[in-house]
């Protein structure tokens, strides 16, 4: 009986770190090195490829507020081609370290569309903008 209790205690001790709610719980597949689904405490869900317990490769993140990212990850950040959709905007293009960086198109809920080279810093960059009235304007790169 003592041996059974000892084994049960070891099982519980080893189980708790593997299911740390702060880190998330792997609910399907292989969330260490492979393809898996992990759910986090705040309701965020990651479905995709993992490498060393970090999202790497192709994947999808669905946040509790309805925001969705589908695309490439590198060491846990969106990096490469992807699509980010929220209640207010839709971006399809390139990302670098979680930022819109490279060629892309940004659609706003108010009808504006930006087709340009994004620099990841929120500064103006060369491209085209369709305003709320449906008119296209060329944007010259800001030298500042």
N, C-alpha and C. Protein backbone atom coordinates (compact mmCIF):
# COMPACT_ATOMS: atom_id res chain seq x y z
N UNK A 1 0.81 -1.19 0.00
CA UNK A 1 0.00 0.00 0.00
C UNK A 1 0.86 1.26 0.00
N UNK A 2 1.95 1.25 0.81
CA UNK A 2 2.85 2.39 0.85
C UNK A 2 3.47 2.65 -0.52
N UNK A 3 3.85 1.57 -1.20
CA UNK A 3 4.45 1.71 -2.52
C UNK A 3 3.47 2.33 -3.51
N UNK A 4 2.22 1.92 -3.43
CA UNK A 4 1.20 2.46 -4.31
C UNK A 4 0.99 3.95 -4.05
N UNK A 5 0.95 4.34 -2.78
CA UNK A 5 0.80 5.74 -2.41
C UNK A 5 2.01 6.55 -2.88
N UNK A 6 3.19 6.02 -2.73
CA UNK A 6 4.42 6.68 -3.18
C UNK A 6 4.40 6.90 -4.69
N UNK A 7 4.02 5.90 -5.44
CA UNK A 7 3.95 6.00 -6.90
C UNK A 7 2.90 7.03 -7.30
N UNK A 8 1.75 7.03 -6.63
CA UNK A 8 0.70 8.00 -6.92
C UNK A 8 1.19 9.42 -6.66
N UNK A 9 1.90 9.67 -5.55
CA UNK A 9 2.44 10.99 -5.23
C UNK A 9 3.45 11.44 -6.28
N UNK A 10 4.32 10.54 -6.71
CA UNK A 10 5.28 10.87 -7.77
C UNK A 10 4.56 11.25 -9.06
N UNK A 11 3.50 10.51 -9.38
CA UNK A 11 2.72 10.79 -10.59
C UNK A 11 2.12 12.20 -10.52
N UNK A 12 1.53 12.58 -9.40
CA UNK A 12 0.92 13.90 -9.23
C UNK A 12 1.98 14.99 -9.30
N UNK A 13 3.11 14.79 -8.65
CA UNK A 13 4.19 15.79 -8.67
C UNK A 13 4.69 16.01 -10.09
N UNK A 14 4.84 14.95 -10.85
CA UNK A 14 5.31 15.07 -12.23
C UNK A 14 4.23 15.61 -13.17
N UNK A 15 2.98 15.42 -12.84
CA UNK A 15 1.89 15.87 -13.69
C UNK A 15 1.67 17.38 -13.60
N UNK A 16 1.80 17.95 -12.42
CA UNK A 16 1.50 19.36 -12.21
C UNK A 16 2.37 20.28 -13.08
N UNK A 17 3.71 20.15 -13.14
CA UNK A 17 4.47 21.04 -14.00
C UNK A 17 4.10 20.91 -15.48
N UNK A 18 3.75 19.74 -15.93
CA UNK A 18 3.41 19.52 -17.34
C UNK A 18 2.11 20.21 -17.70
N UNK A 19 1.28 20.50 -16.71
CA UNK A 19 0.00 21.14 -17.00
C UNK A 19 -0.12 22.49 -16.32
N UNK A 20 0.99 23.20 -16.26
CA UNK A 20 1.02 24.54 -15.69
C UNK A 20 0.08 25.43 -16.49
N UNK A 21 -0.97 25.93 -15.86
CA UNK A 21 -1.98 26.73 -16.54
C UNK A 21 -1.37 27.99 -17.13
N UNK A 22 -0.40 28.61 -16.47
CA UNK A 22 0.23 29.82 -16.99
C UNK A 22 0.91 29.54 -18.33
N UNK A 23 1.51 28.39 -18.45
CA UNK A 23 2.21 28.02 -19.67
C UNK A 23 1.26 27.48 -20.72
N UNK A 24 0.15 26.96 -20.32
CA UNK A 24 -0.80 26.36 -21.24
C UNK A 24 -0.80 24.85 -21.11
N UNK A 25 -1.84 24.26 -21.63
CA UNK A 25 -2.00 22.80 -21.57
C UNK A 25 -2.09 22.27 -23.00
N UNK A 26 -1.27 21.29 -23.29
CA UNK A 26 -1.34 20.64 -24.59
C UNK A 26 -2.58 19.75 -24.59
N UNK A 27 -3.56 20.08 -25.43
CA UNK A 27 -4.81 19.33 -25.42
C UNK A 27 -4.89 18.31 -26.56
N UNK A 28 -3.92 18.37 -27.49
CA UNK A 28 -3.91 17.40 -28.57
C UNK A 28 -2.56 17.40 -29.26
N UNK A 29 -2.10 16.24 -29.66
CA UNK A 29 -0.87 16.13 -30.44
C UNK A 29 0.39 16.29 -29.63
N UNK A 30 1.45 16.76 -30.29
CA UNK A 30 2.77 16.91 -29.69
C UNK A 30 3.13 18.39 -29.64
N UNK A 31 3.03 19.01 -28.47
CA UNK A 31 3.31 20.43 -28.31
C UNK A 31 4.75 20.70 -27.91
N UNK A 32 5.60 19.69 -28.05
CA UNK A 32 7.03 19.90 -27.79
C UNK A 32 7.79 19.98 -29.10
N UNK A 33 7.71 18.94 -29.89
CA UNK A 33 8.37 18.92 -31.20
C UNK A 33 7.47 18.14 -32.14
N UNK A 34 6.62 18.84 -32.86
CA UNK A 34 5.68 18.20 -33.77
C UNK A 34 4.51 19.11 -34.03
N UNK A 35 3.33 18.54 -34.20
CA UNK A 35 2.11 19.31 -34.44
C UNK A 35 1.19 19.10 -33.25
N UNK A 36 0.71 20.20 -32.67
CA UNK A 36 -0.16 20.07 -31.51
C UNK A 36 -1.04 21.28 -31.29
N UNK A 37 -1.94 21.13 -30.33
CA UNK A 37 -2.88 22.18 -29.96
C UNK A 37 -2.68 22.48 -28.47
N UNK A 38 -2.43 23.74 -28.16
CA UNK A 38 -2.22 24.14 -26.76
C UNK A 38 -3.22 25.23 -26.41
N UNK A 39 -3.84 25.09 -25.25
CA UNK A 39 -4.79 26.09 -24.75
C UNK A 39 -4.19 26.78 -23.53
N UNK A 40 -4.32 28.12 -23.50
CA UNK A 40 -3.76 28.91 -22.42
C UNK A 40 -4.86 29.40 -21.48
N UNK A 41 -4.45 29.83 -20.29
CA UNK A 41 -5.38 30.24 -19.24
C UNK A 41 -6.35 31.34 -19.69
N UNK A 42 -5.87 32.28 -20.52
CA UNK A 42 -6.71 33.38 -20.97
C UNK A 42 -7.65 33.01 -22.11
N UNK A 43 -7.65 31.73 -22.51
CA UNK A 43 -8.52 31.26 -23.58
C UNK A 43 -7.87 31.21 -24.94
N UNK A 44 -6.64 31.73 -25.04
CA UNK A 44 -5.91 31.70 -26.31
C UNK A 44 -5.61 30.25 -26.69
N UNK A 45 -5.72 29.98 -27.98
CA UNK A 45 -5.49 28.64 -28.51
C UNK A 45 -4.45 28.72 -29.61
N UNK A 46 -3.42 27.88 -29.55
CA UNK A 46 -2.44 27.78 -30.64
C UNK A 46 -2.55 26.39 -31.25
N UNK A 47 -2.69 26.37 -32.57
CA UNK A 47 -2.78 25.12 -33.34
C UNK A 47 -1.68 25.17 -34.37
N UNK A 48 -0.73 24.26 -34.28
CA UNK A 48 0.32 24.30 -35.29
C UNK A 48 1.56 23.52 -34.92
N UNK A 49 2.64 23.92 -35.59
CA UNK A 49 3.92 23.23 -35.44
C UNK A 49 4.70 23.78 -34.25
N UNK A 50 5.39 22.86 -33.58
CA UNK A 50 6.18 23.18 -32.39
C UNK A 50 7.62 22.71 -32.58
N UNK A 51 8.54 23.45 -32.00
CA UNK A 51 9.92 23.01 -31.94
C UNK A 51 10.46 23.41 -30.58
N UNK A 52 10.88 22.42 -29.78
CA UNK A 52 11.38 22.66 -28.42
C UNK A 52 10.37 23.42 -27.56
N UNK A 53 9.10 23.03 -27.65
CA UNK A 53 8.01 23.61 -26.85
C UNK A 53 7.72 25.07 -27.20
N UNK A 54 8.12 25.51 -28.41
CA UNK A 54 7.89 26.88 -28.86
C UNK A 54 7.23 26.82 -30.24
N UNK A 55 6.19 27.63 -30.47
CA UNK A 55 5.59 27.67 -31.81
C UNK A 55 6.63 28.04 -32.87
N UNK A 56 6.85 27.16 -33.82
CA UNK A 56 7.81 27.37 -34.90
C UNK A 56 7.31 26.64 -36.13
N UNK A 57 7.21 27.35 -37.25
CA UNK A 57 6.67 26.77 -38.47
C UNK A 57 5.32 27.40 -38.76
N UNK A 58 4.42 26.64 -39.33
CA UNK A 58 3.09 27.15 -39.66
C UNK A 58 2.13 26.92 -38.50
N UNK A 59 1.31 27.94 -38.20
CA UNK A 59 0.37 27.79 -37.11
C UNK A 59 -0.73 28.83 -37.12
N UNK A 60 -1.65 28.66 -36.19
CA UNK A 60 -2.80 29.56 -36.04
C UNK A 60 -2.97 29.88 -34.56
N UNK A 61 -3.15 31.16 -34.25
CA UNK A 61 -3.46 31.59 -32.89
C UNK A 61 -4.86 32.19 -32.91
N UNK A 62 -5.68 31.77 -31.96
CA UNK A 62 -7.02 32.34 -31.81
C UNK A 62 -7.11 32.87 -30.38
N UNK A 63 -7.26 34.19 -30.26
CA UNK A 63 -7.37 34.81 -28.94
C UNK A 63 -8.82 34.84 -28.50
N UNK A 64 -9.04 34.99 -27.22
CA UNK A 64 -10.38 35.02 -26.64
C UNK A 64 -11.24 36.17 -27.16
N UNK A 65 -10.62 37.26 -27.62
CA UNK A 65 -11.37 38.41 -28.11
C UNK A 65 -11.76 38.27 -29.59
N UNK A 66 -11.41 37.14 -30.21
CA UNK A 66 -11.78 36.89 -31.60
C UNK A 66 -10.69 37.19 -32.60
N UNK A 67 -9.58 37.79 -32.18
CA UNK A 67 -8.46 38.06 -33.08
C UNK A 67 -7.82 36.74 -33.48
N UNK A 68 -7.45 36.64 -34.76
CA UNK A 68 -6.87 35.40 -35.30
C UNK A 68 -5.63 35.73 -36.11
N UNK A 69 -4.57 34.96 -35.92
CA UNK A 69 -3.38 35.03 -36.77
C UNK A 69 -3.17 33.66 -37.37
N UNK A 70 -2.97 33.63 -38.70
CA UNK A 70 -2.65 32.39 -39.40
C UNK A 70 -1.39 32.67 -40.20
N UNK A 71 -0.35 31.90 -39.96
CA UNK A 71 0.87 32.13 -40.72
C UNK A 71 2.08 31.44 -40.14
N UNK A 72 3.23 32.03 -40.42
CA UNK A 72 4.50 31.45 -40.03
C UNK A 72 4.99 32.01 -38.70
N UNK A 73 5.62 31.12 -37.93
CA UNK A 73 6.21 31.47 -36.64
C UNK A 73 7.68 31.10 -36.64
N UNK A 74 8.46 31.87 -35.90
CA UNK A 74 9.86 31.54 -35.67
C UNK A 74 10.16 31.86 -34.22
N UNK A 75 10.52 30.85 -33.47
CA UNK A 75 10.85 30.99 -32.05
C UNK A 75 9.75 31.73 -31.27
N UNK A 76 8.49 31.37 -31.55
CA UNK A 76 7.37 31.88 -30.77
C UNK A 76 6.78 33.20 -31.23
N UNK A 77 7.34 33.84 -32.24
CA UNK A 77 6.79 35.10 -32.74
C UNK A 77 6.37 34.94 -34.20
N UNK A 78 5.37 35.76 -34.63
CA UNK A 78 5.02 35.66 -36.03
C UNK A 78 6.11 36.33 -36.83
N UNK A 79 6.57 35.55 -37.80
CA UNK A 79 7.72 35.95 -38.60
C UNK A 79 7.60 35.26 -39.95
N UNK A 80 7.46 36.05 -41.02
CA UNK A 80 7.25 35.49 -42.35
C UNK A 80 5.89 35.90 -42.86
N UNK A 81 5.33 35.12 -43.73
CA UNK A 81 4.01 35.45 -44.31
C UNK A 81 2.89 35.07 -43.34
N UNK A 82 1.88 35.95 -43.28
CA UNK A 82 0.77 35.65 -42.40
C UNK A 82 -0.42 36.57 -42.62
N UNK A 83 -1.50 36.25 -41.92
CA UNK A 83 -2.74 37.01 -41.95
C UNK A 83 -3.17 37.26 -40.51
N UNK A 84 -3.43 38.52 -40.19
CA UNK A 84 -3.89 38.89 -38.86
C UNK A 84 -5.24 39.59 -39.00
N UNK A 85 -6.25 39.02 -38.34
CA UNK A 85 -7.60 39.57 -38.44
C UNK A 85 -8.13 39.89 -37.04
N UNK A 86 -8.61 41.13 -36.89
CA UNK A 86 -9.26 41.54 -35.64
C UNK A 86 -10.63 42.10 -35.99
N UNK A 87 -11.34 42.61 -35.00
CA UNK A 87 -12.65 43.21 -35.25
C UNK A 87 -12.55 44.50 -36.07
N UNK A 88 -11.35 45.11 -36.11
CA UNK A 88 -11.20 46.43 -36.73
C UNK A 88 -10.38 46.43 -38.01
N UNK A 89 -9.56 45.40 -38.22
CA UNK A 89 -8.71 45.39 -39.40
C UNK A 89 -8.28 43.99 -39.80
N UNK A 90 -7.83 43.91 -41.05
CA UNK A 90 -7.32 42.66 -41.61
C UNK A 90 -6.03 42.98 -42.32
N UNK A 91 -4.95 42.31 -41.94
CA UNK A 91 -3.64 42.51 -42.58
C UNK A 91 -3.21 41.19 -43.20
N UNK A 92 -2.82 41.27 -44.47
CA UNK A 92 -2.30 40.11 -45.18
C UNK A 92 -0.93 40.51 -45.72
N UNK A 93 0.11 39.85 -45.27
CA UNK A 93 1.44 40.22 -45.74
C UNK A 93 2.54 39.62 -44.91
N UNK A 94 3.64 40.34 -44.87
CA UNK A 94 4.84 39.87 -44.20
C UNK A 94 4.94 40.43 -42.78
N UNK A 95 5.48 39.61 -41.89
CA UNK A 95 5.71 40.00 -40.50
C UNK A 95 7.17 39.77 -40.14
N UNK A 96 7.65 40.57 -39.22
CA UNK A 96 8.97 40.36 -38.64
C UNK A 96 8.86 40.68 -37.16
N UNK A 97 9.13 39.70 -36.32
CA UNK A 97 9.06 39.86 -34.86
C UNK A 97 7.73 40.47 -34.41
N UNK A 98 6.62 39.88 -34.81
CA UNK A 98 5.26 40.29 -34.44
C UNK A 98 4.79 41.58 -35.09
N UNK A 99 5.59 42.22 -35.93
CA UNK A 99 5.20 43.50 -36.52
C UNK A 99 4.96 43.35 -38.01
N UNK A 100 4.06 44.18 -38.55
CA UNK A 100 3.83 44.23 -39.99
C UNK A 100 5.07 44.84 -40.61
N UNK A 101 5.82 44.03 -41.33
CA UNK A 101 7.10 44.48 -41.87
C UNK A 101 7.34 43.78 -43.20
N UNK A 102 7.33 44.57 -44.27
CA UNK A 102 7.47 44.03 -45.62
C UNK A 102 6.23 44.34 -46.42
N UNK A 103 6.07 43.68 -47.55
CA UNK A 103 4.92 43.93 -48.42
C UNK A 103 3.65 43.39 -47.79
N UNK A 104 2.59 44.22 -47.86
CA UNK A 104 1.33 43.77 -47.30
C UNK A 104 0.17 44.67 -47.66
N UNK A 105 -1.01 44.19 -47.32
CA UNK A 105 -2.24 44.94 -47.54
C UNK A 105 -3.00 44.98 -46.22
N UNK A 106 -3.43 46.18 -45.84
CA UNK A 106 -4.14 46.38 -44.58
C UNK A 106 -5.53 46.95 -44.89
N UNK A 107 -6.55 46.22 -44.50
CA UNK A 107 -7.95 46.63 -44.69
C UNK A 107 -8.50 47.09 -43.35
N UNK A 108 -9.15 48.26 -43.34
CA UNK A 108 -9.74 48.79 -42.13
C UNK A 108 -11.26 48.65 -42.19
N UNK A 109 -11.91 48.61 -41.03
CA UNK A 109 -13.37 48.48 -40.95
C UNK A 109 -14.08 49.68 -41.59
N UNK A 110 -13.43 50.84 -41.62
CA UNK A 110 -14.06 52.04 -42.19
C UNK A 110 -13.98 52.08 -43.72
N UNK A 111 -13.38 51.07 -44.35
CA UNK A 111 -13.29 51.00 -45.80
C UNK A 111 -11.94 51.37 -46.38
N UNK A 112 -11.06 51.94 -45.59
CA UNK A 112 -9.72 52.28 -46.08
C UNK A 112 -8.92 51.01 -46.36
N UNK A 113 -8.06 51.10 -47.38
CA UNK A 113 -7.17 50.00 -47.72
C UNK A 113 -5.77 50.58 -47.94
N UNK A 114 -4.76 49.97 -47.33
CA UNK A 114 -3.37 50.38 -47.53
C UNK A 114 -2.63 49.22 -48.19
N UNK A 115 -2.05 49.49 -49.36
CA UNK A 115 -1.23 48.51 -50.07
C UNK A 115 0.15 49.11 -50.15
N UNK A 116 1.09 48.57 -49.38
CA UNK A 116 2.39 49.22 -49.32
C UNK A 116 3.45 48.31 -48.70
N UNK A 117 4.62 48.87 -48.59
CA UNK A 117 5.74 48.24 -47.91
C UNK A 117 5.70 48.73 -46.47
N UNK A 118 5.40 47.85 -45.52
CA UNK A 118 5.34 48.23 -44.11
C UNK A 118 6.73 48.11 -43.51
N UNK A 119 7.07 49.05 -42.64
CA UNK A 119 8.42 49.05 -42.05
C UNK A 119 8.45 48.58 -40.60
N UNK A 120 7.33 48.20 -40.05
CA UNK A 120 7.29 47.67 -38.69
C UNK A 120 7.39 48.70 -37.60
N UNK A 121 7.47 49.99 -37.98
CA UNK A 121 7.63 51.03 -36.97
C UNK A 121 6.52 52.07 -37.01
N UNK A 122 5.47 51.82 -37.81
CA UNK A 122 4.34 52.73 -37.87
C UNK A 122 4.60 53.99 -38.66
N UNK A 123 5.77 54.10 -39.28
CA UNK A 123 6.08 55.29 -40.07
C UNK A 123 5.49 55.16 -41.47
N UNK A 124 5.33 56.29 -42.12
CA UNK A 124 4.82 56.27 -43.49
C UNK A 124 5.82 55.56 -44.40
N UNK A 125 5.31 54.81 -45.35
CA UNK A 125 6.17 54.15 -46.31
C UNK A 125 5.48 54.18 -47.67
N UNK A 126 6.24 53.97 -48.71
CA UNK A 126 5.74 54.07 -50.08
C UNK A 126 4.67 53.03 -50.36
N UNK A 127 3.62 53.46 -51.07
CA UNK A 127 2.55 52.55 -51.41
C UNK A 127 1.31 53.29 -51.87
N UNK A 128 0.16 52.66 -51.70
CA UNK A 128 -1.11 53.24 -52.13
C UNK A 128 -2.15 53.10 -51.02
N UNK A 129 -3.03 54.09 -50.95
CA UNK A 129 -4.11 54.08 -49.96
C UNK A 129 -5.42 54.34 -50.68
N UNK A 130 -6.42 53.53 -50.37
CA UNK A 130 -7.78 53.77 -50.84
C UNK A 130 -8.52 54.38 -49.66
N UNK A 131 -8.99 55.62 -49.81
CA UNK A 131 -9.66 56.28 -48.70
C UNK A 131 -11.12 55.86 -48.59
N UNK A 132 -11.82 56.42 -47.61
CA UNK A 132 -13.22 56.06 -47.35
C UNK A 132 -14.14 56.38 -48.53
N UNK A 133 -13.74 57.33 -49.34
CA UNK A 133 -14.55 57.71 -50.50
C UNK A 133 -14.28 56.81 -51.71
N UNK A 134 -13.35 55.88 -51.57
CA UNK A 134 -13.04 54.94 -52.65
C UNK A 134 -12.00 55.45 -53.62
N UNK A 135 -11.32 56.53 -53.29
CA UNK A 135 -10.29 57.10 -54.16
C UNK A 135 -8.92 56.58 -53.75
N UNK A 136 -8.11 56.23 -54.76
CA UNK A 136 -6.75 55.74 -54.50
C UNK A 136 -5.77 56.90 -54.53
N UNK A 137 -4.86 56.91 -53.58
CA UNK A 137 -3.82 57.94 -53.50
C UNK A 137 -2.47 57.25 -53.38
N UNK A 138 -1.47 57.83 -54.01
CA UNK A 138 -0.11 57.29 -53.87
C UNK A 138 0.54 57.91 -52.65
N UNK A 139 1.25 57.10 -51.89
CA UNK A 139 1.97 57.58 -50.70
C UNK A 139 3.45 57.58 -51.06
N UNK A 140 4.09 58.72 -50.85
CA UNK A 140 5.54 58.82 -51.03
C UNK A 140 6.19 58.48 -49.71
N UNK A 141 7.32 57.84 -49.75
CA UNK A 141 8.00 57.44 -48.52
C UNK A 141 8.42 58.66 -47.74
N UNK A 142 8.11 58.67 -46.44
CA UNK A 142 8.47 59.75 -45.55
C UNK A 142 9.95 59.62 -45.21
N UNK A 143 10.72 60.68 -45.41
CA UNK A 143 12.17 60.66 -45.19
C UNK A 143 12.54 60.91 -43.73
N UNK A 144 11.59 61.27 -42.88
CA UNK A 144 11.88 61.60 -41.49
C UNK A 144 12.28 60.41 -40.70
